[in-house]
Protein backbone atom coordinates (compact mmCIF):
# COMPACT_ATOMS: atom_id res chain seq x y z
CA MET A 1 196.67 46.21 146.21
CA VAL A 2 193.25 47.74 145.54
CA ASP A 3 191.09 48.68 148.52
CA ASP A 4 188.03 46.44 148.95
CA HIS A 5 185.78 49.50 149.24
CA VAL A 6 187.06 50.83 145.91
CA MET A 7 186.36 47.49 144.26
CA LEU A 8 182.86 47.44 145.73
CA ARG A 9 182.15 51.03 144.58
CA ASP A 10 183.46 50.17 141.10
CA GLY A 11 181.18 47.14 140.95
CA ILE A 12 178.12 49.07 142.10
CA ARG A 13 178.90 51.88 139.64
CA SER A 14 179.19 49.35 136.81
CA VAL A 15 175.85 47.72 137.64
CA LEU A 16 174.05 51.05 137.97
CA GLU A 17 175.50 52.50 134.76
CA SER A 18 174.76 49.33 132.79
CA ALA A 19 171.14 49.70 133.94
CA GLY A 20 171.06 53.25 132.53
CA HIS A 21 171.61 55.22 135.74
CA GLN A 22 174.07 58.08 136.11
CA VAL A 23 176.44 57.97 139.09
CA VAL A 24 177.24 61.60 139.94
CA ALA A 25 179.67 61.15 142.84
CA GLU A 26 181.50 58.75 145.11
CA SER A 27 183.16 59.37 148.43
CA ALA A 28 185.24 57.42 150.91
CA ASP A 29 184.70 59.74 153.87
CA LEU A 30 181.87 61.51 155.65
CA THR A 31 183.00 65.10 155.08
CA THR A 32 183.44 64.71 151.33
CA ALA A 33 180.19 62.76 151.02
CA LEU A 34 178.21 65.47 152.83
CA GLY A 35 179.77 68.17 150.66
CA GLU A 36 178.91 66.29 147.48
CA LEU A 37 175.35 65.70 148.67
CA LEU A 38 174.85 69.38 149.37
CA ARG A 39 176.45 70.39 146.07
CA LEU A 40 174.69 67.87 143.81
CA SER A 41 171.35 67.13 145.54
CA PRO A 42 171.10 63.62 144.07
CA GLU A 43 167.80 61.77 143.82
CA VAL A 44 169.23 58.56 145.37
CA LEU A 45 171.92 57.93 147.97
CA LEU A 46 173.63 54.56 148.36
CA LEU A 47 175.37 54.59 151.70
CA ASP A 48 178.06 52.38 153.18
CA LEU A 49 177.80 52.25 156.95
CA ASN A 50 181.60 52.31 157.15
CA LEU A 51 182.89 55.70 155.97
CA GLY A 52 186.52 55.71 156.98
CA GLN A 53 186.81 56.77 160.60
CA ARG A 54 183.14 57.78 160.81
CA SER A 55 179.83 55.97 160.57
CA GLY A 56 177.54 56.19 157.57
CA LEU A 57 174.73 56.60 160.09
CA GLU A 58 176.29 59.95 161.06
CA LEU A 59 176.02 61.04 157.44
CA LEU A 60 172.45 59.80 157.21
CA THR A 61 171.52 61.71 160.37
CA ALA A 62 173.14 64.88 159.01
CA VAL A 63 171.30 64.53 155.69
CA ILE A 64 167.96 64.01 157.40
CA ARG A 65 168.50 67.02 159.64
CA ILE A 66 169.37 69.15 156.62
CA VAL A 67 166.41 67.92 154.59
CA TRP A 68 163.99 68.24 157.49
CA ARG A 69 165.81 71.28 158.93
CA ARG A 70 165.85 69.71 162.37
CA PRO A 71 168.07 71.25 165.05
CA ALA A 72 171.25 69.38 165.93
CA HIS A 73 170.04 68.85 169.50
CA SER A 74 166.87 67.07 168.34
CA PRO A 75 166.47 63.33 168.88
CA PRO A 76 167.85 60.93 166.26
CA PHE A 77 165.74 60.66 163.09
CA TRP A 78 164.24 57.31 164.09
CA GLN A 79 162.67 58.88 167.18
CA PRO A 80 159.76 61.30 166.82
CA PRO A 81 160.64 64.95 167.61
């Protein structure tokens, strides 16, 4: 049986590629996704809020802190520093 998340990623990939976009990476977990983001520096990130045992919001917060170089102890990105 194919995982629902894999089917969803395959469908999104198909739609994006048929529209002329290049999908450079996919990930099913937070650690791999963060590594791929740092390695590839993509222009666009499509994010599932459910990344295995972790939340996609954790990944988004990590990405924002890296991009904005905010300290880990700073407030969440949706609150002003």
